[in-house]
Amino acid sequence: MTELRGMRRLDSQPACWQIDLDEPALDATGALLADDERARAARFVRPLLAERYRRAHGALRWLLGRHCGVDGGGLRFDANAHGKPSLREAPGMPRPSAALPHFNLSHSDRHALVAICDDAPVGVDIEALREIRDLDGWAVAQLSERERAQWRALPDADRTTAFLYGWTRKEAALKALGVGLAQVAPAQIDVGLEPLAGPVTLGPAQWRLRWLGPLDCDGAVVASLAVADTGADAR
């Protein structure tokens, strides 16, 4: 089965999809949403944000349902202590709970990313390119000492993209590890600002990632993918 209009499978491993949240064809996935997701969408003050929320979470359910061979509307989720969701085993699920896929969702402006991986926790982050007020202040607060040195060596015209590149790497890494930003200050982990990809060890906790690198997405966005090292990771 092909993707719905507004979805694009990226050339990545594990599988990732870029989703255009302003594509009306994605409204068809709204029927898959659970009651709590509909209620959350209804709380948005701006209709556009509600619409994009429904399309992002509907697309996630559609992709996960197709991946698992079930109706995406019947999927149920749990969350860890830091809020990262995971699939819950449910009646009719053709896989035992230990074999359920890992997944992650990120969205920014009209863009969303979904990653699905059968053998390891994943994290993705996407950020629309935009002007950042007090970029210097953000860089000091969010980048490691080495990253700040890299950032300051760049021409002014490149600094916004570089900062967002580093930020998406940090977000994707922490999401793959199942750790929240409330528990780890971004400046405590060093991911670098150069466009490299591969295995990484992060932070004083020595978290290991099997993969951390950029995703080649359409549009004015920066995006990153992280895959946890299952040798030291537990669901």
C-alpha atoms as a PDB file:
ATOM      1  CA  MET A   1       0.000   0.000   0.000  1.00  0.00           C
ATOM      2  CA  THR A   2       1.368   3.410  -0.926  1.00  0.00           C
ATOM      3  CA  GLU A   3       1.563   6.361   1.416  1.00  0.00           C
ATOM      4  CA  LEU A   4      -1.260   8.855   1.601  1.00  0.00           C
ATOM      5  CA  ARG A   5      -0.891  12.150  -0.209  1.00  0.00           C
ATOM      6  CA  GLY A   6       1.133  14.460   2.009  1.00  0.00           C
ATOM      7  CA  MET A   7       3.437  11.652   3.219  1.00  0.00           C
ATOM      8  CA  ARG A   8       6.922  11.044   1.835  1.00  0.00           C
ATOM      9  CA  ARG A   9       9.066   8.062   2.792  1.00  0.00           C
ATOM     10  CA  LEU A  10      12.595   9.267   3.428  1.00  0.00           C
ATOM     11  CA  ASP A  11      15.733   7.453   2.372  1.00  0.00           C
ATOM     12  CA  SER A  12      16.617   6.383   5.902  1.00  0.00           C
ATOM     13  CA  GLN A  13      17.031   3.334   8.068  1.00  0.00           C
ATOM     14  CA  PRO A  14      14.979   2.888  10.197  1.00  0.00           C
ATOM     15  CA  ALA A  15      11.935   3.997   8.245  1.00  0.00           C
ATOM     16  CA  CYS A  16      10.990   7.684   8.489  1.00  0.00           C
ATOM     17  CA  TRP A  17       8.252   9.689   6.816  1.00  0.00           C
ATOM     18  CA  GLN A  18       7.996  13.436   6.310  1.00  0.00           C
ATOM     19  CA  ILE A  19       4.394  14.638   6.515  1.00  0.00           C
ATOM     20  CA  ASP A  20       2.881  17.859   5.182  1.00  0.00           C
ATOM     21  CA  LEU A  21       0.370  18.867   7.844  1.00  0.00           C
ATOM     22  CA  ASP A  22      -1.307  21.343   5.491  1.00  0.00           C
ATOM     23  CA  GLU A  23      -2.338  18.545   3.093  1.00  0.00           C
ATOM     24  CA  PRO A  24      -6.165  18.136   3.260  1.00  0.00           C
ATOM     25  CA  ALA A  25      -5.932  14.476   2.165  1.00  0.00           C
ATOM     26  CA  LEU A  26      -4.643  13.674   5.651  1.00  0.00           C
ATOM     27  CA  ASP A  27      -8.046  14.557   7.106  1.00  0.00           C
ATOM     28  CA  ALA A  28      -9.029  10.981   6.259  1.00  0.00           C
ATOM     29  CA  THR A  29      -6.819   9.793   9.137  1.00  0.00           C
ATOM     30  CA  GLY A  30      -8.825  11.819  11.662  1.00  0.00           C
ATOM     31  CA  ALA A  31     -11.273   8.938  12.039  1.00  0.00           C
ATOM     32  CA  LEU A  32      -8.460   6.920  13.662  1.00  0.00           C
ATOM     33  CA  LEU A  33      -7.999   9.294  16.616  1.00  0.00           C
ATOM     34  CA  ALA A  34      -8.922   8.262  20.151  1.00  0.00           C
ATOM     35  CA  ASP A  35     -11.269  10.346  22.280  1.00  0.00           C
ATOM     36  CA  ASP A  36      -8.443  11.891  24.303  1.00  0.00           C
ATOM     37  CA  GLU A  37      -6.671  12.984  21.110  1.00  0.00           C
ATOM     38  CA  ARG A  38      -9.849  14.583  19.794  1.00  0.00           C
ATOM     39  CA  ALA A  39     -10.299  16.367  23.121  1.00  0.00           C
ATOM     40  CA  ARG A  40      -6.748  17.688  23.067  1.00  0.00           C
ATOM     41  CA  ALA A  41      -7.170  18.966  19.513  1.00  0.00           C
ATOM     42  CA  ALA A  42     -10.367  20.736  20.570  1.00  0.00           C
ATOM     43  CA  ARG A  43      -8.459  22.676  23.244  1.00  0.00           C
ATOM     44  CA  PHE A  44      -6.283  24.511  20.718  1.00  0.00           C
ATOM     45  CA  VAL A  45      -7.396  28.125  20.399  1.00  0.00           C
ATOM     46  CA  ARG A  46      -6.220  28.424  16.784  1.00  0.00           C
ATOM     47  CA  PRO A  47      -8.081  26.165  14.334  1.00  0.00           C
ATOM     48  CA  LEU A  48      -4.941  25.691  12.218  1.00  0.00           C
ATOM     49  CA  LEU A  49      -3.040  24.219  15.181  1.00  0.00           C
ATOM     50  CA  ALA A  50      -5.925  21.885  15.953  1.00  0.00           C
ATOM     51  CA  GLU A  51      -6.028  20.765  12.326  1.00  0.00           C
ATOM     52  CA  ARG A  52      -2.297  20.100  12.236  1.00  0.00           C
ATOM     53  CA  TYR A  53      -2.448  18.172  15.521  1.00  0.00           C
ATOM     54  CA  ARG A  54      -5.217  15.916  14.206  1.00  0.00           C
ATOM     55  CA  ARG A  55      -3.350  15.284  10.956  1.00  0.00           C
ATOM     56  CA  ALA A  56      -0.041  14.538  12.705  1.00  0.00           C
ATOM     57  CA  HIS A  57      -1.517  12.053  15.153  1.00  0.00           C
ATOM     58  CA  GLY A  58      -3.865  10.575  12.572  1.00  0.00           C
ATOM     59  CA  ALA A  59      -0.918  10.016  10.219  1.00  0.00           C
ATOM     60  CA  LEU A  60       1.049   8.378  13.043  1.00  0.00           C
ATOM     61  CA  ARG A  61      -1.825   5.972  13.724  1.00  0.00           C
ATOM     62  CA  TRP A  62      -2.218   5.239  10.004  1.00  0.00           C
ATOM     63  CA  LEU A  63       1.479   4.418   9.598  1.00  0.00           C
ATOM     64  CA  LEU A  64       1.689   2.350  12.792  1.00  0.00           C
ATOM     65  CA  GLY A  65      -1.491   0.461  11.933  1.00  0.00           C
ATOM     66  CA  ARG A  66      -0.188  -0.378   8.495  1.00  0.00           C
ATOM     67  CA  HIS A  67       3.163  -1.422   9.953  1.00  0.00           C
ATOM     68  CA  CYS A  68       1.522  -3.708  12.520  1.00  0.00           C
ATOM     69  CA  GLY A  69      -1.200  -5.022  10.199  1.00  0.00           C
ATOM     70  CA  VAL A  70      -4.083  -3.665  12.290  1.00  0.00           C
ATOM     71  CA  ASP A  71      -6.583  -0.810  12.254  1.00  0.00           C
ATOM     72  CA  GLY A  72      -4.731   2.267  13.474  1.00  0.00           C
ATOM     73  CA  GLY A  73      -7.864   3.396  15.293  1.00  0.00           C
ATOM     74  CA  GLY A  74      -7.553   0.451  17.670  1.00  0.00           C
ATOM     75  CA  LEU A  75      -4.000   1.222  18.784  1.00  0.00           C
ATOM     76  CA  ARG A  76      -3.463   2.133  22.420  1.00  0.00           C
ATOM     77  CA  PHE A  77      -0.447   3.800  23.944  1.00  0.00           C
ATOM     78  CA  ASP A  78       1.447   3.927  27.223  1.00  0.00           C
ATOM     79  CA  ALA A  79       4.000   6.555  28.278  1.00  0.00           C
ATOM     80  CA  ASN A  80       7.178   6.313  30.316  1.00  0.00           C
ATOM     81  CA  ALA A  81       7.975   8.545  33.282  1.00  0.00           C
ATOM     82  CA  HIS A  82       9.215  11.276  30.933  1.00  0.00           C
ATOM     83  CA  GLY A  83       6.166  11.164  28.672  1.00  0.00           C
ATOM     84  CA  LYS A  84       7.597   9.204  25.726  1.00  0.00           C
ATOM     85  CA  PRO A  85       4.774   7.075  24.251  1.00  0.00           C
ATOM     86  CA  SER A  86       4.997   3.392  23.361  1.00  0.00           C
ATOM     87  CA  LEU A  87       2.554   0.910  21.882  1.00  0.00           C
ATOM     88  CA  ARG A  88       0.477  -1.214  24.217  1.00  0.00           C
ATOM     89  CA  GLU A  89      -0.390  -4.795  23.318  1.00  0.00           C
ATOM     90  CA  ALA A  90      -4.070  -5.016  22.397  1.00  0.00           C
ATOM     91  CA  PRO A  91      -6.565  -7.676  21.242  1.00  0.00           C
ATOM     92  CA  GLY A  92      -6.026  -8.521  17.586  1.00  0.00           C
ATOM     93  CA  MET A  93      -2.425  -7.319  17.592  1.00  0.00           C
ATOM     94  CA  PRO A  94      -0.447  -9.854  15.558  1.00  0.00           C
ATOM     95  CA  ARG A  95       2.723  -9.258  17.596  1.00  0.00           C
ATOM     96  CA  PRO A  96       3.511  -9.940  21.270  1.00  0.00           C
ATOM     97  CA  SER A  97       4.309  -6.870  23.358  1.00  0.00           C
ATOM     98  CA  ALA A  98       8.054  -7.587  23.240  1.00  0.00           C
ATOM     99  CA  ALA A  99       7.965  -7.355  19.435  1.00  0.00           C
ATOM    100  CA  LEU A 100       5.904  -4.196  19.077  1.00  0.00           C
ATOM    101  CA  PRO A 101       7.693  -1.495  17.081  1.00  0.00           C
ATOM    102  CA  HIS A 102       9.252   1.586  18.593  1.00  0.00           C
ATOM    103  CA  PHE A 103       8.208   4.910  17.107  1.00  0.00           C
ATOM    104  CA  ASN A 104       8.514   8.643  17.480  1.00  0.00           C
ATOM    105  CA  LEU A 105       6.704  11.731  16.202  1.00  0.00           C
ATOM    106  CA  SER A 106       7.883  15.323  15.869  1.00  0.00           C
ATOM    107  CA  HIS A 107       6.239  18.333  14.280  1.00  0.00           C
ATOM    108  CA  SER A 108       7.055  21.976  13.635  1.00  0.00           C
ATOM    109  CA  ASP A 109       4.899  24.424  11.723  1.00  0.00           C
ATOM    110  CA  ARG A 110       3.447  22.510   8.733  1.00  0.00           C
ATOM    111  CA  HIS A 111       6.063  19.741   8.899  1.00  0.00           C
ATOM    112  CA  ALA A 112       5.996  16.443  10.810  1.00  0.00           C
ATOM    113  CA  LEU A 113       8.258  13.413  11.052  1.00  0.00           C
ATOM    114  CA  VAL A 114       7.392   9.848  12.020  1.00  0.00           C
ATOM    115  CA  ALA A 115       9.997   7.141  12.642  1.00  0.00           C
ATOM    116  CA  ILE A 116       9.201   3.442  13.146  1.00  0.00           C
ATOM    117  CA  CYS A 117      11.797   0.863  14.160  1.00  0.00           C
ATOM    118  CA  ASP A 118      11.320  -2.809  15.057  1.00  0.00           C
ATOM    119  CA  ASP A 119      14.511  -3.422  17.003  1.00  0.00           C
ATOM    120  CA  ALA A 120      15.500  -0.268  18.901  1.00  0.00           C
ATOM    121  CA  PRO A 121      14.044   2.904  20.437  1.00  0.00           C
ATOM    122  CA  VAL A 122      14.124   5.874  18.066  1.00  0.00           C
ATOM    123  CA  GLY A 123      13.862   9.637  18.303  1.00  0.00           C
ATOM    124  CA  VAL A 124      13.278  12.270  15.649  1.00  0.00           C
ATOM    125  CA  ASP A 125      13.096  16.026  15.723  1.00  0.00           C
ATOM    126  CA  ILE A 126      12.209  18.523  12.998  1.00  0.00           C
ATOM    127  CA  GLU A 127      12.411  22.302  13.199  1.00  0.00           C
ATOM    128  CA  ALA A 128      11.215  24.813  10.629  1.00  0.00           C
ATOM    129  CA  LEU A 129      13.932  27.312   9.734  1.00  0.00           C
ATOM    130  CA  ARG A 130      12.987  30.644  11.242  1.00  0.00           C
ATOM    131  CA  GLU A 131      14.417  33.707  12.885  1.00  0.00           C
ATOM    132  CA  ILE A 132      15.252  33.071  16.547  1.00  0.00           C
ATOM    133  CA  ARG A 133      15.062  36.023  18.902  1.00  0.00           C
ATOM    134  CA  ASP A 134      18.106  36.326  21.177  1.00  0.00           C
ATOM    135  CA  LEU A 135      19.942  33.603  19.287  1.00  0.00           C
ATOM    136  CA  ASP A 136      23.131  34.398  21.228  1.00  0.00           C
ATOM    137  CA  GLY A 137      21.323  33.786  24.511  1.00  0.00           C
ATOM    138  CA  TRP A 138      19.860  30.511  23.285  1.00  0.00           C
ATOM    139  CA  ALA A 139      23.268  29.336  22.101  1.00  0.00           C
ATOM    140  CA  VAL A 140      24.875  30.062  25.473  1.00  0.00           C
ATOM    141  CA  ALA A 141      22.074  28.279  27.349  1.00  0.00           C
ATOM    142  CA  GLN A 142      21.579  25.237  25.119  1.00  0.00           C
ATOM    143  CA  LEU A 143      24.940  24.411  23.534  1.00  0.00           C
ATOM    144  CA  SER A 144      27.873  22.668  25.179  1.00  0.00           C
ATOM    145  CA  GLU A 145      31.179  24.478  25.543  1.00  0.00           C
ATOM    146  CA  ARG A 146      32.587  22.752  22.440  1.00  0.00           C
ATOM    147  CA  GLU A 147      29.422  23.431  20.441  1.00  0.00           C
ATOM    148  CA  ARG A 148      29.487  27.117  21.395  1.00  0.00           C
ATOM    149  CA  ALA A 149      33.051  27.372  20.101  1.00  0.00           C
ATOM    150  CA  GLN A 150      31.986  25.753  16.818  1.00  0.00           C
ATOM    151  CA  TRP A 151      28.962  28.042  16.601  1.00  0.00           C
ATOM    152  CA  ARG A 152      30.915  31.249  17.243  1.00  0.00           C
ATOM    153  CA  ALA A 153      33.402  30.324  14.502  1.00  0.00           C
ATOM    154  CA  LEU A 154      30.625  30.330  11.890  1.00  0.00           C
ATOM    155  CA  PRO A 155      29.575  33.309   9.751  1.00  0.00           C
ATOM    156  CA  ASP A 156      26.493  35.081  11.118  1.00  0.00           C
ATOM    157  CA  ALA A 157      24.428  33.898   8.135  1.00  0.00           C
ATOM    158  CA  ASP A 158      25.011  30.228   9.068  1.00  0.00           C
ATOM    159  CA  ARG A 159      24.408  30.417  12.797  1.00  0.00           C
ATOM    160  CA  THR A 160      20.623  29.913  12.873  1.00  0.00           C
ATOM    161  CA  THR A 161      20.756  26.751  10.773  1.00  0.00           C
ATOM    162  CA  ALA A 162      23.698  25.412  12.779  1.00  0.00           C
ATOM    163  CA  PHE A 163      21.942  26.047  16.085  1.00  0.00           C
ATOM    164  CA  LEU A 164      18.788  24.287  14.906  1.00  0.00           C
ATOM    165  CA  TYR A 165      20.870  21.417  13.593  1.00  0.00           C
ATOM    166  CA  GLY A 166      22.442  20.943  17.019  1.00  0.00           C
ATOM    167  CA  TRP A 167      19.100  21.355  18.738  1.00  0.00           C
ATOM    168  CA  THR A 168      17.385  18.693  16.626  1.00  0.00           C
ATOM    169  CA  ARG A 169      20.254  16.291  17.312  1.00  0.00           C
ATOM    170  CA  LYS A 170      19.883  16.834  21.062  1.00  0.00           C
ATOM    171  CA  GLU A 171      16.103  16.424  20.959  1.00  0.00           C
ATOM    172  CA  ALA A 172      16.267  13.294  18.803  1.00  0.00           C
ATOM    173  CA  ALA A 173      18.943  11.768  21.026  1.00  0.00           C
ATOM    174  CA  LEU A 174      17.075  12.367  24.273  1.00  0.00           C
ATOM    175  CA  LYS A 175      13.835  11.075  22.756  1.00  0.00           C
ATOM    176  CA  ALA A 176      15.543   7.884  21.576  1.00  0.00           C
ATOM    177  CA  LEU A 177      16.951   7.411  25.069  1.00  0.00           C
ATOM    178  CA  GLY A 178      13.529   8.035  26.614  1.00  0.00           C
ATOM    179  CA  VAL A 179      14.806  10.962  28.690  1.00  0.00           C
ATOM    180  CA  GLY A 180      13.081  14.333  28.922  1.00  0.00           C
ATOM    181  CA  LEU A 181      14.563  17.806  28.671  1.00  0.00           C
ATOM    182  CA  ALA A 182      13.335  18.411  32.218  1.00  0.00           C
ATOM    183  CA  GLN A 183      15.794  15.760  33.428  1.00  0.00           C
ATOM    184  CA  VAL A 184      18.818  16.670  31.301  1.00  0.00           C
ATOM    185  CA  ALA A 185      19.891  20.185  30.383  1.00  0.00           C
ATOM    186  CA  PRO A 186      20.696  20.315  26.641  1.00  0.00           C
ATOM    187  CA  ALA A 187      24.059  21.958  27.370  1.00  0.00           C
ATOM    188  CA  GLN A 188      25.084  18.850  29.333  1.00  0.00           C
ATOM    189  CA  ILE A 189      25.208  16.691  26.209  1.00  0.00           C
ATOM    190  CA  ASP A 190      27.537  17.339  23.307  1.00  0.00           C
ATOM    191  CA  VAL A 191      26.384  16.329  19.816  1.00  0.00           C
ATOM    192  CA  GLY A 192      28.448  18.757  17.748  1.00  0.00           C
ATOM    193  CA  LEU A 193      27.250  21.063  14.987  1.00  0.00           C
ATOM    194  CA  GLU A 194      29.019  19.431  12.063  1.00  0.00           C
ATOM    195  CA  PRO A 195      26.798  17.369   9.718  1.00  0.00           C
ATOM    196  CA  LEU A 196      28.137  13.959  10.739  1.00  0.00           C
ATOM    197  CA  ALA A 197      26.248  10.717  11.353  1.00  0.00           C
ATOM    198  CA  GLY A 198      27.073   7.500  13.137  1.00  0.00           C
ATOM    199  CA  PRO A 199      27.369   5.950  16.613  1.00  0.00           C
ATOM    200  CA  VAL A 200      27.665   8.396  19.518  1.00  0.00           C
ATOM    201  CA  THR A 201      28.213   8.291  23.282  1.00  0.00           C
ATOM    202  CA  LEU A 202      26.594  11.169  25.159  1.00  0.00           C
ATOM    203  CA  GLY A 203      26.784  12.837  28.520  1.00  0.00           C
ATOM    204  CA  PRO A 204      28.045  11.883  31.964  1.00  0.00           C
ATOM    205  CA  ALA A 205      25.649   8.909  31.952  1.00  0.00           C
ATOM    206  CA  GLN A 206      27.523   7.543  28.915  1.00  0.00           C
ATOM    207  CA  TRP A 207      24.358   6.940  26.916  1.00  0.00           C
ATOM    208  CA  ARG A 208      25.085   5.112  23.700  1.00  0.00           C
ATOM    209  CA  LEU A 209      23.371   5.688  20.376  1.00  0.00           C
ATOM    210  CA  ARG A 210      23.680   3.323  17.451  1.00  0.00           C
ATOM    211  CA  TRP A 211      22.991   6.222  15.100  1.00  0.00           C
ATOM    212  CA  LEU A 212      22.651   9.989  15.298  1.00  0.00           C
ATOM    213  CA  GLY A 213      22.523  12.141  12.204  1.00  0.00           C
ATOM    214  CA  PRO A 214      20.609  14.414   9.848  1.00  0.00           C
ATOM    215  CA  LEU A 215      17.576  13.557   7.721  1.00  0.00           C
ATOM    216  CA  ASP A 216      17.237  14.851   4.177  1.00  0.00           C
ATOM    217  CA  CYS A 217      13.814  16.507   4.215  1.00  0.00           C
ATOM    218  CA  ASP A 218      11.979  18.754   1.783  1.00  0.00           C
ATOM    219  CA  GLY A 219      11.395  22.411   2.536  1.00  0.00           C
ATOM    220  CA  ALA A 220      13.027  24.929   4.848  1.00  0.00           C
ATOM    221  CA  VAL A 221      13.557  22.564   7.773  1.00  0.00           C
ATOM    222  CA  VAL A 222      16.326  20.920   9.779  1.00  0.00           C
ATOM    223  CA  ALA A 223      15.750  17.361  11.032  1.00  0.00           C
ATOM    224  CA  SER A 224      17.639  14.621  12.868  1.00  0.00           C
ATOM    225  CA  LEU A 225      17.225  10.917  13.653  1.00  0.00           C
ATOM    226  CA  ALA A 226      18.601   8.983  16.624  1.00  0.00           C
ATOM    227  CA  VAL A 227      18.551   5.222  17.259  1.00  0.00           C
ATOM    228  CA  ALA A 228      19.401   3.882  20.718  1.00  0.00           C
ATOM    229  CA  ASP A 229      22.002   1.200  21.263  1.00  0.00           C
ATOM    230  CA  THR A 230      19.948  -1.781  22.439  1.00  0.00           C
ATOM    231  CA  GLY A 231      23.003  -3.418  23.927  1.00  0.00           C
ATOM    232  CA  ALA A 232      22.556  -1.148  26.964  1.00  0.00           C
ATOM    233  CA  ASP A 233      18.940  -0.096  26.491  1.00  0.00           C
ATOM    234  CA  ALA A 234      15.705  -1.479  27.829  1.00  0.00           C
ATOM    235  CA  ARG A 235      12.218  -0.673  26.635  1.00  0.00           C
END
